């Protein structure tokens, strides 16, 4: 009898099924493809002569292996960064010819993300996958969670935490679940617009960090008694902040250097559109177009963001599957400021696209978030470099968070 494991997952998780060649942005194009040791050995024991020749030609040992369960080997990609095991219709030859059991842990798992928290395998999906993004971002009722006991199969655990471990007795990780639960509750509070929710989340994380530093014994009580409505009137949007945001993200865009450091054709096209939309190609000062920018941000916030379940779902999904707020460093505020930076960077691009195209739809918003996630979340260094830039310039504080909102 196959062993069953305790699982926790969003209800949308069961809806996902890979659509293979019908996917418009294959995970087998543009990314390195890792092979775990067990699968690597299987490839070299295969009896099928044609497949054996393909494996010998295209699969090799990874000199920089970090885990036998993940990247013991690598697939040598073609010049266009396509997996050599993709056929002309973007279907996997390994899967179709010799079966799913010959797919590596990485290929079997993606876009599933698995963390093990207090004995539960927490499952979710990565919005870098177009089909996953469509399913989870378009849940009008929001993301809800459930638990069950099931078979696990091939998998990769991204993070493992036992909050009851003695080593966390004096660590904020001891309160990880309580922090995350309240963070999700704040973001899902639809009585407030999204900017208000994000501000309240920042207030909660900022004050919590003080409790963790100076009054650790009171942390549990602080989380339990934190009043979401207490500071909802503390945040007041300043439309001039949109201009500061544009200046900040224009610098971050130069930092990314899309034409040189990004392979994604769709993200390059989005970047071309926003450069034209914001008139960056005219080499004029931001102040010269201030009225245009402010009007565009206000329209976009009002029509597509303030009460949008798409962005709510994006944030909730990120908080759930990225061990928020411990997703960046030991500082929980770093986790918050980088979550906010991601959201604001997405909005910056979407407003630029809106200026360029003069139209918007839920489907195009989902398409961009997917492209953003595949490009930015899986970039080898950009987010790490971004946090370093933010801290170096002392932007890691609640006042700068107000600017990004």
Protein backbone atom coordinates (compact mmCIF):
# COMPACT_ATOMS: atom_id res chain seq x y z
CA UNK A 1 0.00 0.00 0.00
CA UNK A 2 1.41 3.41 -1.01
CA UNK A 3 2.07 5.69 1.95
CA UNK A 4 -0.15 8.74 2.24
CA UNK A 5 1.06 12.12 3.46
CA UNK A 6 -0.62 15.08 5.12
CA UNK A 7 -1.12 17.83 2.55
CA UNK A 8 -2.30 21.42 2.58
CA UNK A 9 -3.09 23.22 -0.66
CA UNK A 10 -5.21 25.91 -2.33
CA UNK A 11 -8.42 24.54 -3.83
CA UNK A 12 -7.26 25.56 -7.31
CA UNK A 13 -4.36 23.08 -7.09
CA UNK A 14 -6.49 20.11 -8.15
CA UNK A 15 -7.61 21.88 -11.33
CA UNK A 16 -4.16 22.02 -12.90
CA UNK A 17 -3.12 19.70 -15.70
CA UNK A 18 -0.21 20.36 -18.05
CA UNK A 19 -1.49 21.23 -21.53
CA UNK A 20 1.82 20.33 -23.19
CA UNK A 21 2.17 21.49 -26.77
CA UNK A 22 -0.83 23.81 -26.46
CA UNK A 23 1.06 25.97 -23.94
CA UNK A 24 1.99 29.37 -25.36
CA UNK A 25 5.13 29.75 -23.25
CA UNK A 26 6.68 26.31 -22.66
CA UNK A 27 8.73 25.74 -19.51
CA UNK A 28 11.02 23.67 -21.76
CA UNK A 29 12.15 26.79 -23.63
CA UNK A 30 14.43 29.45 -22.17
CA UNK A 31 15.34 27.76 -18.89
CA UNK A 32 18.13 25.40 -17.85
CA UNK A 33 16.72 21.91 -17.33
CA UNK A 34 18.04 19.91 -14.37
CA UNK A 35 18.13 16.12 -14.04
CA UNK A 36 18.23 14.34 -10.66
CA UNK A 37 20.65 11.44 -10.12
CA UNK A 38 18.09 8.61 -10.20
CA UNK A 39 16.60 9.82 -13.50
CA UNK A 40 20.10 10.46 -14.91
CA UNK A 41 21.06 6.83 -14.24
CA UNK A 42 17.76 5.66 -15.80
CA UNK A 43 18.65 7.44 -19.03
CA UNK A 44 21.87 5.54 -19.42
CA UNK A 45 20.21 2.18 -18.74
CA UNK A 46 17.44 2.69 -21.30
CA UNK A 47 17.01 -0.10 -23.86
CA UNK A 48 15.48 2.05 -26.62
CA UNK A 49 18.50 2.66 -28.93
CA UNK A 50 17.23 5.92 -30.43
CA UNK A 51 16.46 7.42 -27.01
CA UNK A 52 19.76 6.17 -25.62
CA UNK A 53 21.65 8.01 -28.39
CA UNK A 54 19.66 11.18 -27.66
CA UNK A 55 20.42 10.94 -23.94
CA UNK A 56 24.14 10.37 -24.57
CA UNK A 57 24.24 13.40 -26.86
CA UNK A 58 22.13 15.82 -24.82
CA UNK A 59 22.39 14.89 -21.12
CA UNK A 60 25.60 15.47 -19.17
CA UNK A 61 26.88 15.68 -15.60
CA UNK A 62 26.57 19.00 -13.81
CA UNK A 63 29.95 20.12 -12.44
CA UNK A 64 28.15 22.59 -10.17
CA UNK A 65 25.61 20.18 -8.70
CA UNK A 66 23.97 21.42 -5.48
CA UNK A 67 21.64 18.46 -4.84
CA UNK A 68 21.49 14.92 -6.23
CA UNK A 69 17.68 15.19 -6.04
CA UNK A 70 17.63 18.23 -8.34
CA UNK A 71 20.62 19.06 -10.54
CA UNK A 72 22.96 16.05 -10.67
CA UNK A 73 22.81 16.40 -14.46
CA UNK A 74 21.76 18.95 -17.06
CA UNK A 75 20.23 18.87 -20.51
CA UNK A 76 22.23 20.61 -23.22
CA UNK A 77 19.84 23.10 -24.77
CA UNK A 78 19.72 23.99 -28.45
CA UNK A 79 20.95 27.35 -29.72
CA UNK A 80 17.49 28.86 -29.32
CA UNK A 81 17.39 27.54 -25.72
CA UNK A 82 14.83 24.88 -26.59
CA UNK A 83 15.02 21.48 -24.93
CA UNK A 84 16.25 18.95 -27.54
CA UNK A 85 13.55 16.55 -26.35
CA UNK A 86 10.74 18.82 -27.54
CA UNK A 87 9.17 17.83 -30.84
CA UNK A 88 7.99 20.33 -33.47
CA UNK A 89 4.63 20.67 -31.74
CA UNK A 90 6.23 21.33 -28.32
CA UNK A 91 5.43 17.92 -26.86
CA UNK A 92 8.01 16.04 -24.78
CA UNK A 93 9.55 13.09 -26.63
CA UNK A 94 10.62 11.47 -23.35
CA UNK A 95 7.03 11.50 -22.08
CA UNK A 96 5.47 10.31 -25.34
CA UNK A 97 8.01 7.59 -26.18
CA UNK A 98 9.06 6.01 -22.87
CA UNK A 99 6.66 7.37 -20.26
CA UNK A 100 6.18 9.85 -17.43
CA UNK A 101 8.35 7.80 -15.05
CA UNK A 102 11.40 8.90 -17.07
CA UNK A 103 10.80 12.59 -16.45
CA UNK A 104 13.18 14.18 -13.93
CA UNK A 105 12.04 15.49 -10.55
CA UNK A 106 12.13 19.04 -11.92
CA UNK A 107 10.17 18.20 -15.08
CA UNK A 108 7.60 16.20 -13.11
CA UNK A 109 7.16 18.82 -10.40
CA UNK A 110 6.96 22.15 -12.25
CA UNK A 111 4.86 24.28 -11.87
CA UNK A 112 4.06 22.64 -8.54
CA UNK A 113 5.81 24.18 -5.54
CA UNK A 114 6.13 22.09 -2.39
CA UNK A 115 7.18 23.23 1.08
CA UNK A 116 7.06 21.04 4.17
CA UNK A 117 5.71 22.93 7.17
CA UNK A 118 5.21 21.17 10.52
CA UNK A 119 4.82 17.80 8.83
CA UNK A 120 2.39 18.99 6.14
CA UNK A 121 3.38 19.05 2.49
CA UNK A 122 2.14 22.44 1.33
CA UNK A 123 1.39 22.36 -2.39
CA UNK A 124 0.80 25.30 -4.71
CA UNK A 125 1.45 26.44 -8.29
CA UNK A 126 3.98 28.84 -9.81
CA UNK A 127 2.44 31.64 -11.91
CA UNK A 128 5.44 31.37 -14.27
CA UNK A 129 3.37 28.63 -15.95
CA UNK A 130 0.67 30.12 -18.25
CA UNK A 131 -1.94 27.48 -17.42
CA UNK A 132 -1.27 27.75 -13.67
CA UNK A 133 -1.45 31.56 -13.90
CA UNK A 134 -4.78 31.38 -15.73
CA UNK A 135 -6.29 29.01 -13.17
CA UNK A 136 -5.22 30.71 -9.96
CA UNK A 137 -5.22 34.39 -10.90
CA UNK A 138 -8.74 34.31 -12.36
CA UNK A 139 -10.37 32.86 -9.22
CA UNK A 140 -12.98 35.57 -8.63
CA UNK A 141 -13.91 34.07 -5.25
CA UNK A 142 -10.29 34.28 -4.09
CA UNK A 143 -7.88 31.56 -2.98
CA UNK A 144 -9.13 29.14 -0.32
CA UNK A 145 -7.18 26.33 1.33
CA UNK A 146 -7.94 22.75 2.32
CA UNK A 147 -6.17 19.72 3.80
CA UNK A 148 -6.14 16.00 2.99
CA UNK A 149 -3.98 12.86 3.06
CA UNK A 150 -2.76 11.63 -0.33
CA UNK A 151 0.04 9.95 -2.27
CA UNK A 152 2.99 12.19 -3.04
CA UNK A 153 4.87 10.80 -6.06
CA UNK A 154 8.01 12.43 -7.51
CA UNK A 155 8.57 15.79 -5.89
CA UNK A 156 11.04 18.44 -4.78
CA UNK A 157 10.73 20.14 -1.39
CA UNK A 158 11.78 23.78 -1.73
CA UNK A 159 11.78 24.60 2.00
CA UNK A 160 11.21 22.67 5.20
CA UNK A 161 10.29 24.22 8.54
CA UNK A 162 9.38 22.70 11.89
CA UNK A 163 8.19 25.68 13.91
CA UNK A 164 8.13 23.55 17.06
CA UNK A 165 11.85 22.75 16.83
CA UNK A 166 13.91 23.95 19.79
CA UNK A 167 16.29 25.75 17.43
CA UNK A 168 13.49 28.26 16.69
CA UNK A 169 12.60 28.97 20.32
CA UNK A 170 14.12 32.45 20.07
CA UNK A 171 13.53 32.91 16.36
CA UNK A 172 10.68 34.68 14.53
CA UNK A 173 10.27 31.47 12.50
CA UNK A 174 8.57 30.03 15.58
CA UNK A 175 5.61 32.24 14.64
CA UNK A 176 5.82 31.64 10.89
CA UNK A 177 2.32 30.20 10.44
CA UNK A 178 0.63 32.88 12.56
CA UNK A 179 2.46 35.63 10.65
CA UNK A 180 1.59 34.15 7.26
CA UNK A 181 -2.05 33.49 8.17
CA UNK A 182 -2.60 37.09 9.27
CA UNK A 183 -0.73 38.40 6.18
CA UNK A 184 -3.10 36.45 3.92
CA UNK A 185 -6.11 37.61 5.94
CA UNK A 186 -5.04 41.24 5.44
CA UNK A 187 -4.57 40.86 1.68
CA UNK A 188 -7.94 39.09 1.31
CA UNK A 189 -9.87 41.80 3.18
CA UNK A 190 -12.06 43.08 0.34
CA UNK A 191 -13.59 45.82 2.47
CA UNK A 192 -10.39 47.77 1.67
CA UNK A 193 -8.79 48.62 -1.66
CA UNK A 194 -5.52 46.90 -2.53
CA UNK A 195 -3.24 49.84 -1.66
CA UNK A 196 -4.82 50.04 1.80
CA UNK A 197 -4.34 46.30 2.32
CA UNK A 198 -0.69 46.48 1.28
CA UNK A 199 -0.10 49.45 3.58
CA UNK A 200 -1.68 47.63 6.52
CA UNK A 201 0.46 44.56 5.76
CA UNK A 202 3.54 46.80 5.86
CA UNK A 203 2.42 48.35 9.15
CA UNK A 204 1.90 44.88 10.64
CA UNK A 205 5.30 43.57 9.48
CA UNK A 206 7.09 46.78 10.52
CA UNK A 207 5.63 46.76 14.04
CA UNK A 208 6.11 43.01 14.33
CA UNK A 209 9.80 43.39 13.56
CA UNK A 210 10.07 45.81 16.50
CA UNK A 211 8.32 43.30 18.77
CA UNK A 212 10.69 40.56 17.63
CA UNK A 213 13.72 42.72 18.41
CA UNK A 214 12.69 44.38 21.64
CA UNK A 215 9.76 42.49 23.16
CA UNK A 216 10.01 38.88 21.93
CA UNK A 217 7.90 37.49 24.74
CA UNK A 218 4.93 39.55 23.54
CA UNK A 219 5.02 38.43 19.87
CA UNK A 220 2.24 35.85 20.06
CA UNK A 221 -0.06 38.31 21.81
CA UNK A 222 0.83 41.08 19.35
CA UNK A 223 -0.08 38.95 16.33
CA UNK A 224 -3.32 37.73 17.93
CA UNK A 225 -4.43 41.24 18.91
CA UNK A 226 -3.30 43.16 15.81
CA UNK A 227 -6.31 45.16 14.59
CA UNK A 228 -6.48 45.33 10.79
CA UNK A 229 -8.86 48.28 10.97
CA UNK A 230 -6.77 50.34 13.40
CA UNK A 231 -4.54 51.95 10.76
CA UNK A 232 -6.76 51.71 7.66
CA UNK A 233 -7.21 55.50 7.73
CA UNK A 234 -3.48 56.16 8.26
CA UNK A 235 -2.66 55.71 4.58
CA UNK A 236 -3.48 58.49 2.15
CA UNK A 237 -2.49 58.16 -1.49
CA UNK A 238 -0.27 60.93 -2.83
CA UNK A 239 -0.51 61.12 -6.62
CA UNK A 240 2.98 62.66 -6.84
CA UNK A 241 4.33 59.32 -5.61
CA UNK A 242 3.51 57.90 -9.05
CA UNK A 243 6.24 60.13 -10.50
CA UNK A 244 8.75 58.93 -7.88
CA UNK A 245 7.77 55.35 -8.71
CA UNK A 246 8.40 55.92 -12.41
CA UNK A 247 11.83 57.36 -11.67
CA UNK A 248 12.64 54.41 -9.37
CA UNK A 249 11.47 51.70 -11.75
CA UNK A 250 13.10 53.39 -14.72
CA UNK A 251 16.38 52.94 -12.83
CA UNK A 252 15.45 49.34 -11.96
CA UNK A 253 14.69 48.72 -15.64
CA UNK A 254 18.13 49.97 -16.64
CA UNK A 255 19.53 47.74 -13.89
CA UNK A 256 17.80 44.72 -15.45
CA UNK A 257 19.11 45.54 -18.97
CA UNK A 258 16.37 43.62 -20.76
CA UNK A 259 17.95 43.61 -24.22
CA UNK A 260 21.13 41.97 -22.89
CA UNK A 261 20.10 39.91 -19.87
CA UNK A 262 16.60 38.64 -20.73
CA UNK A 263 15.84 35.82 -23.19
CA UNK A 264 12.05 36.05 -23.09
CA UNK A 265 10.71 37.39 -26.39
CA UNK A 266 7.38 38.35 -24.78
CA UNK A 267 9.03 40.29 -21.95
CA UNK A 268 11.24 42.11 -24.44
CA UNK A 269 8.12 43.11 -26.38
CA UNK A 270 6.40 44.29 -23.19
CA UNK A 271 9.50 46.35 -22.41
CA UNK A 272 9.48 47.91 -25.88
CA UNK A 273 5.83 48.87 -25.37
CA UNK A 274 6.32 50.52 -21.98
CA UNK A 275 9.36 52.48 -23.17
CA UNK A 276 7.16 53.90 -25.93
CA UNK A 277 4.13 54.27 -23.62
CA UNK A 278 6.04 56.27 -21.00
CA UNK A 279 7.92 58.13 -23.78
CA UNK A 280 11.26 57.08 -22.32
CA UNK A 281 12.61 56.93 -25.87
CA UNK A 282 12.20 60.72 -26.15
CA UNK A 283 14.91 61.27 -23.50
CA UNK A 284 12.78 63.89 -21.74
CA UNK A 285 12.45 64.58 -18.02
CA UNK A 286 9.72 62.72 -16.14
CA UNK A 287 8.27 66.06 -15.03
CA UNK A 288 7.50 66.97 -18.66
CA UNK A 289 4.88 64.19 -18.83
CA UNK A 290 3.71 64.31 -15.20
CA UNK A 291 0.06 64.97 -16.08
CA UNK A 292 -0.02 62.06 -18.53
CA UNK A 293 1.58 59.69 -16.02
CA UNK A 294 -0.60 60.63 -13.05
CA UNK A 295 -3.80 60.35 -15.11
CA UNK A 296 -2.75 56.91 -16.42
CA UNK A 297 -1.93 55.56 -12.94
CA UNK A 298 -5.16 56.92 -11.46
CA UNK A 299 -7.23 55.41 -14.28
CA UNK A 300 -5.45 52.08 -14.05
CA UNK A 301 -5.78 51.88 -10.26
CA UNK A 302 -9.46 52.77 -10.41
CA UNK A 303 -10.42 50.48 -13.29
CA UNK A 304 -8.10 47.47 -12.96
CA UNK A 305 -6.41 47.27 -9.54
CA UNK A 306 -8.23 48.68 -6.49
CA UNK A 307 -10.79 45.88 -6.23
CA UNK A 308 -9.12 43.34 -8.51
CA UNK A 309 -9.08 39.71 -7.41
CA UNK A 310 -6.26 39.04 -9.92
CA UNK A 311 -3.70 41.03 -7.93
CA UNK A 312 -5.11 39.80 -4.63
CA UNK A 313 -4.64 36.21 -5.83
CA UNK A 314 -1.12 36.94 -7.06
CA UNK A 315 -0.13 38.32 -3.66
CA UNK A 316 -1.82 35.56 -1.65
CA UNK A 317 -0.25 32.85 -3.79
CA UNK A 318 3.18 34.45 -3.41
CA UNK A 319 2.80 34.78 0.37
CA UNK A 320 1.73 31.13 0.64
CA UNK A 321 4.37 29.47 -1.52
CA UNK A 322 7.41 31.67 -0.79
CA UNK A 323 7.67 31.29 3.01
CA UNK A 324 6.68 34.96 3.40
CA UNK A 325 7.95 37.06 5.13
CA UNK A 326 11.13 34.98 5.39
CA UNK A 327 11.48 34.91 1.60
CA UNK A 328 14.46 37.26 1.23
CA UNK A 329 16.63 37.47 4.35
CA UNK A 330 16.54 37.31 8.15
CA UNK A 331 14.70 40.64 8.14
CA UNK A 332 10.96 40.10 7.75
CA UNK A 333 10.59 43.68 6.48
CA UNK A 334 12.89 42.74 3.58
CA UNK A 335 10.30 40.10 2.70
CA UNK A 336 7.57 42.75 2.72
CA UNK A 337 9.45 45.45 0.78
CA UNK A 338 10.39 42.95 -1.96
CA UNK A 339 6.81 41.68 -2.22
CA UNK A 340 5.69 45.29 -2.62
CA UNK A 341 8.47 45.96 -5.14
CA UNK A 342 7.29 43.00 -7.25
CA UNK A 343 3.68 44.19 -7.19
CA UNK A 344 4.62 47.80 -7.98
CA UNK A 345 6.99 46.72 -10.77
CA UNK A 346 4.14 44.72 -12.32
CA UNK A 347 1.83 47.75 -12.08
CA UNK A 348 4.54 50.01 -13.58
CA UNK A 349 4.73 47.73 -16.63
CA UNK A 350 0.95 47.41 -16.91
CA UNK A 351 0.43 51.18 -16.80
CA UNK A 352 3.12 51.64 -19.45
CA UNK A 353 1.38 49.02 -21.62
CA UNK A 354 -1.94 50.74 -21.02
CA UNK A 355 -0.48 54.04 -22.24
CA UNK A 356 0.83 52.28 -25.32
CA UNK A 357 -2.19 50.10 -26.21
CA UNK A 358 -5.01 52.31 -24.84
CA UNK A 359 -6.82 49.15 -23.68
CA UNK A 360 -6.65 46.40 -21.07
CA UNK A 361 -8.28 43.05 -20.22
CA UNK A 362 -8.10 40.44 -17.48
CA UNK A 363 -6.49 38.01 -19.91
CA UNK A 364 -3.70 40.41 -20.88
CA UNK A 365 -3.01 41.19 -17.20
CA UNK A 366 -2.65 37.45 -16.50
CA UNK A 367 -0.40 37.05 -19.54
CA UNK A 368 1.93 39.79 -18.32
CA UNK A 369 2.10 38.54 -14.71
CA UNK A 370 3.07 35.10 -16.08
CA UNK A 371 5.79 36.59 -18.29
CA UNK A 372 7.03 38.77 -15.41
CA UNK A 373 7.21 35.79 -13.08
CA UNK A 374 9.04 33.57 -15.57
CA UNK A 375 11.52 36.37 -16.33
CA UNK A 376 12.04 38.06 -12.97
CA UNK A 377 11.30 35.41 -10.32
CA UNK A 378 13.55 32.90 -12.08
CA UNK A 379 16.34 35.34 -12.96
CA UNK A 380 19.63 34.19 -11.43
CA UNK A 381 20.53 37.45 -9.71
CA UNK A 382 18.12 40.32 -10.42
CA UNK A 383 15.99 40.13 -7.26
CA UNK A 384 19.06 39.67 -5.04
CA UNK A 385 20.72 42.66 -6.71
CA UNK A 386 17.49 44.66 -6.39
CA UNK A 387 17.27 44.10 -2.63
CA UNK A 388 20.93 45.07 -2.29
CA UNK A 389 20.19 48.30 -4.21
CA UNK A 390 17.14 49.03 -2.05
CA UNK A 391 19.07 48.54 1.20
CA UNK A 392 22.10 50.47 -0.04
CA UNK A 393 19.86 53.45 -0.78
CA UNK A 394 17.97 53.01 2.52
CA UNK A 395 14.63 52.39 0.83
CA UNK A 396 13.85 49.46 3.17
CA UNK A 397 11.40 51.36 5.37
CA UNK A 398 7.70 52.08 5.70
CA UNK A 399 8.05 55.58 4.24
CA UNK A 400 9.41 54.24 0.95
CA UNK A 401 6.68 51.59 1.02
CA UNK A 402 4.13 54.46 0.92
CA UNK A 403 5.87 55.75 -2.20
CA UNK A 404 5.54 52.37 -3.94
CA UNK A 405 1.82 52.15 -3.16
